Protein backbone atom coordinates (compact mmCIF):
# COMPACT_ATOMS: atom_id res chain seq x y z
CA MET A 1 -15.87 -0.32 -0.54
CA LYS A 2 -16.90 3.39 -1.28
CA LEU A 3 -14.81 6.19 0.10
CA SER A 4 -15.87 9.27 2.34
CA ALA A 5 -16.60 12.50 0.47
CA GLU A 6 -13.59 13.91 2.10
CA LEU A 7 -11.32 11.01 0.79
CA GLN A 8 -12.81 11.21 -2.50
CA ALA A 9 -11.77 15.05 -2.50
CA PHE A 10 -8.35 13.95 -1.38
CA CYS A 11 -8.21 11.51 -4.33
CA GLY A 12 -8.76 14.60 -6.58
CA ARG A 13 -5.94 16.53 -5.11
CA ILE A 14 -3.36 13.72 -5.45
CA GLY A 15 -4.69 12.87 -8.93
CA HIS A 16 -5.38 9.15 -8.32
CA VAL A 17 -8.56 7.26 -8.48
CA PHE A 18 -7.91 4.07 -6.41
CA ARG A 19 -9.13 0.83 -7.87
CA GLN A 20 -8.67 -0.46 -4.23
CA PRO A 21 -9.93 2.17 -1.73
CA GLU A 22 -9.22 0.11 1.23
CA LEU A 23 -5.45 0.92 0.73
CA LEU A 24 -5.95 4.49 0.90
CA LEU A 25 -8.00 4.16 3.98
CA ARG A 26 -5.40 2.07 5.54
CA ALA A 27 -2.65 4.77 4.66
CA VAL A 28 -4.71 7.54 6.52
CA THR A 29 -5.24 5.40 9.58
CA HIS A 30 -2.66 5.99 12.62
CA SER A 31 -2.08 3.40 14.95
CA SER A 32 -3.65 5.46 17.59
CA ILE A 33 -7.24 4.35 16.33
CA SER A 34 -6.06 1.07 14.83
CA SER A 35 -7.58 -2.20 15.52
CA LYS A 36 -7.77 -6.04 14.45
CA THR A 37 -10.19 -5.02 11.82
CA ARG A 38 -8.85 -1.43 10.97
CA PRO A 39 -5.00 -1.77 10.30
CA ASP A 40 -2.80 1.27 10.69
CA ASN A 41 -0.35 2.62 8.21
CA GLN A 42 2.92 1.75 9.68
CA ARG A 43 3.53 -1.24 7.13
CA LEU A 44 2.59 1.30 4.09
CA GLU A 45 4.89 3.80 5.53
CA PHE A 46 7.82 1.33 5.48
CA LEU A 47 7.26 0.68 1.79
CA GLY A 48 6.22 4.12 0.73
CA ASP A 49 9.68 5.57 2.18
CA ARG A 50 11.53 3.04 -0.20
CA VAL A 51 9.37 4.00 -3.02
CA LEU A 52 9.96 7.70 -2.33
CA GLY A 53 13.68 7.19 -2.23
CA LEU A 54 13.94 5.57 -5.45
CA VAL A 55 11.83 8.08 -7.17
CA MET A 56 13.92 10.77 -5.87
CA ALA A 57 17.31 9.02 -6.42
CA GLU A 58 16.28 8.56 -10.06
CA ALA A 59 14.87 11.89 -10.60
CA LEU A 60 18.08 13.71 -8.98
CA LEU A 61 20.32 11.63 -11.47
CA THR A 62 18.21 12.64 -14.16
CA ALA A 63 18.05 16.33 -13.40
CA ASP A 64 21.84 16.62 -13.16
CA THR A 65 23.97 14.18 -15.01
CA ALA A 66 27.20 15.73 -13.83
CA ALA A 67 26.80 15.90 -10.09
CA SER A 68 28.92 13.88 -7.96
CA GLU A 69 27.61 11.47 -5.01
CA GLY A 70 28.72 14.41 -2.67
CA GLN A 71 26.49 16.84 -4.24
CA LEU A 72 23.50 14.37 -4.86
CA ALA A 73 23.19 13.01 -1.12
CA PRO A 74 22.33 16.30 0.43
CA ARG A 75 19.74 17.12 -2.08
CA PHE A 76 18.19 13.53 -1.75
CA ASN A 77 18.17 14.14 1.84
CA ALA A 78 16.56 17.31 1.60
CA LEU A 79 13.72 16.12 -0.54
CA VAL A 80 13.00 12.82 1.63
CA ARG A 81 13.30 13.87 4.95
CA LYS A 82 10.30 13.81 7.06
CA GLU A 83 10.00 17.61 7.31
CA ALA A 84 9.88 17.83 3.35
CA CYS A 85 7.12 14.93 3.44
CA ALA A 86 5.18 16.74 6.08
CA ASP A 87 5.26 20.22 3.91
CA VAL A 88 3.76 18.30 1.03
CA ALA A 89 1.27 16.55 3.14
CA ARG A 90 0.16 19.89 4.26
CA ASP A 91 -0.27 21.42 0.79
CA LEU A 92 -2.60 18.41 0.19
CA GLY A 93 -4.77 18.85 3.27
CA LEU A 94 -3.68 15.30 4.30
CA GLY A 95 -3.92 16.07 8.13
CA GLU A 96 -7.60 16.87 7.69
CA VAL A 97 -8.46 13.33 6.20
CA MET A 98 -6.25 11.49 8.71
CA LYS A 99 -7.90 8.91 10.87
CA LEU A 100 -6.41 9.59 14.53
CA GLY A 101 -7.57 8.39 18.20
CA ARG A 102 -9.00 11.22 20.28
CA SER A 103 -5.67 11.58 22.32
CA GLU A 104 -3.52 12.08 19.31
CA MET A 105 -6.14 14.59 17.88
CA MET A 106 -6.04 16.30 21.06
CA SER A 107 -2.37 16.75 21.16
CA GLY A 108 -2.28 18.37 17.62
CA GLY A 109 -1.50 15.17 15.53
CA ARG A 110 -3.00 16.66 12.52
CA ARG A 111 -0.29 19.24 12.53
CA LYS A 112 2.81 17.00 13.75
CA ASP A 113 5.58 16.61 11.07
CA ALA A 114 6.00 12.80 12.08
CA LEU A 115 2.65 11.82 11.65
CA LEU A 116 2.14 13.78 8.38
CA GLY A 117 5.19 12.45 6.87
CA ASP A 118 4.59 8.78 7.81
CA ALA A 119 0.96 9.32 6.22
CA LEU A 120 2.35 10.70 3.01
CA GLU A 121 4.84 7.95 2.79
CA ALA A 122 2.03 5.44 3.48
CA VAL A 123 -0.45 6.95 0.58
CA ILE A 124 2.70 6.66 -1.69
CA ALA A 125 2.78 2.96 -1.00
CA ALA A 126 -0.97 2.65 -1.44
CA VAL A 127 -0.72 4.04 -4.80
CA TYR A 128 2.28 1.74 -5.59
CA LEU A 129 0.25 -1.33 -4.59
CA ASP A 130 -2.75 -0.14 -6.13
CA SER A 131 -1.53 0.81 -9.75
CA GLY A 132 2.21 -0.11 -9.59
CA PHE A 133 5.62 1.76 -9.71
CA ASP A 134 4.72 4.10 -12.60
CA ALA A 135 1.85 5.30 -11.07
CA ALA A 136 3.78 6.05 -7.90
CA ARG A 137 6.55 7.77 -9.52
CA GLY A 138 4.12 9.99 -11.32
CA LEU A 139 2.55 10.64 -8.12
CA VAL A 140 5.60 11.71 -6.29
CA LEU A 141 6.75 13.66 -9.37
CA ARG A 142 3.37 15.83 -9.28
CA LEU A 143 3.49 16.27 -5.57
CA TRP A 144 7.08 17.47 -5.25
CA GLY A 145 6.85 19.52 -8.36
CA GLY A 146 9.44 22.38 -8.20
CA ARG A 147 11.28 21.09 -5.08
CA ILE A 148 13.22 18.77 -7.28
CA GLY A 149 14.58 21.42 -9.40
CA ALA A 150 14.97 23.90 -6.39
CA VAL A 151 17.46 21.75 -4.71
CA GLN A 152 19.66 21.00 -7.66
CA SER A 153 19.67 24.39 -8.78
CA ASP A 154 22.46 27.15 -8.00
CA ALA A 155 19.90 28.78 -5.87
CA ARG A 156 19.24 25.73 -3.51
CA ASP A 157 17.58 26.54 -0.12
CA ALA A 158 19.69 27.42 2.97
CA LYS A 159 19.07 24.15 4.47
CA THR A 160 20.60 22.23 1.57
CA SER A 161 23.15 24.60 1.32
CA LEU A 162 24.29 24.40 5.07
CA GLN A 163 24.07 20.52 4.79
CA GLU A 164 26.53 20.46 1.82
CA TRP A 165 29.11 22.83 3.57
CA ALA A 166 29.05 20.61 6.81
CA GLN A 167 29.55 17.39 4.70
CA ALA A 168 32.38 19.15 2.89
CA ARG A 169 34.01 19.40 6.13
CA GLY A 170 33.54 16.19 7.39
CA LEU A 171 30.64 17.23 9.72
CA PRO A 172 27.28 15.31 10.03
CA PRO A 173 24.19 17.07 8.92
CA PRO A 174 22.95 20.00 11.08
CA ALA A 175 20.35 19.27 13.70
CA TYR A 176 17.31 21.30 13.88
CA ILE A 177 15.48 21.50 17.06
CA GLU A 178 11.90 23.23 17.69
CA LEU A 179 12.27 25.21 20.92
CA GLY A 180 8.70 26.65 21.21
CA ARG A 181 5.43 27.24 19.21
CA ASP A 182 3.33 29.85 20.47
CA GLY A 183 0.31 32.01 19.11
CA PRO A 184 -2.98 30.82 18.03
CA ASP A 185 -3.68 27.57 15.93
CA HIS A 186 -4.62 29.69 12.90
CA GLN A 187 -1.28 32.00 13.09
CA PRO A 188 1.28 30.13 15.04
CA GLN A 189 4.79 31.08 15.52
CA PHE A 190 7.82 28.58 15.62
CA THR A 191 10.98 29.27 17.38
CA VAL A 192 13.77 26.78 15.86
CA GLU A 193 17.40 26.19 16.54
CA VAL A 194 19.92 24.86 14.23
CA ARG A 195 23.25 23.46 15.44
CA LEU A 196 26.46 21.99 13.95
CA GLU A 197 28.60 19.56 15.64
CA ASN A 198 31.38 22.06 16.07
CA GLY A 199 28.96 23.82 18.29
CA ALA A 200 27.81 26.76 16.25
CA VAL A 201 24.20 27.65 16.62
CA GLU A 202 21.57 30.12 15.27
CA LEU A 203 17.94 30.70 16.30
CA ALA A 204 15.06 31.93 14.03
CA ARG A 205 11.30 32.54 14.46
CA SER A 206 8.88 32.24 11.71
CA GLY A 207 5.13 31.28 11.11
CA THR A 208 5.95 28.00 10.15
CA LYS A 209 8.44 25.33 10.93
CA ARG A 210 10.13 24.91 7.64
CA ALA A 211 10.60 29.00 7.27
CA ALA A 212 11.82 29.05 10.68
CA GLU A 213 14.35 26.28 9.71
CA GLN A 214 15.34 27.93 6.61
CA ALA A 215 15.75 31.43 8.43
CA ALA A 216 18.15 29.71 10.97
CA ALA A 217 19.85 27.70 8.51
CA LYS A 218 20.73 30.85 6.43
CA ALA A 219 22.05 32.94 9.29
CA LEU A 220 24.13 30.03 10.16
CA LEU A 221 25.59 29.50 6.82
CA ALA A 222 26.35 33.07 6.32
CA ARG A 223 28.30 33.20 9.64
CA MET A 224 30.18 29.96 8.80
CA GLU A 225 31.05 31.41 5.20
CA ALA A 226 32.19 34.60 6.50
CA THR A 227 34.45 32.52 9.26
CA ASP A 228 35.83 30.48 6.14
CA ASP A 229 36.57 33.95 4.32
CA ARG A 230 38.76 35.24 7.18
CA ALA A 231 40.41 31.89 7.88
């Protein structure tokens, strides 16, 4: 089986040449276009999620041998959450090679966090099945790059810091809600709300969903820490 030029270029971006190219084709095939002869990526996504989790857990333990479970858990969640996977997928141009049904394409499926994150996890599983765990580990560590160091440093991103603040007070992780998206496709603006179980809320607006989430988290964390100082 020979891959299309677009998928061959994608292989170059992830740094892996498939011995079984049908695995990559399956990994980028969404259920909206699957058939009996064209399986979708859902089973691969299930496997890839577990491979990603193991690689990240191992990487975090290695990167910070003194960190407690309470410190490691939010860092792990920040790295494997669907939004993080989608960010990596966007960097790779994965949305451009995904195989989608017409209705999913018309609804902006190539930009959706859930679809991008699932497809990236499926790609990880495809590499694992094609060449084993060491190859999959190498892929994940290449693709996540500096993100691993960022979440375990003192200068952690605002979302991770807010989650750690909440966890330290027995609260569940913050909830992020996309309230709106407007502007042209090439220059969108996202409005995001972050909410804690204690009722605290902040809004932010930015050119990417991730940046809006970070800005909202930073604002809410600053307000919560100020409240702590006054207590």
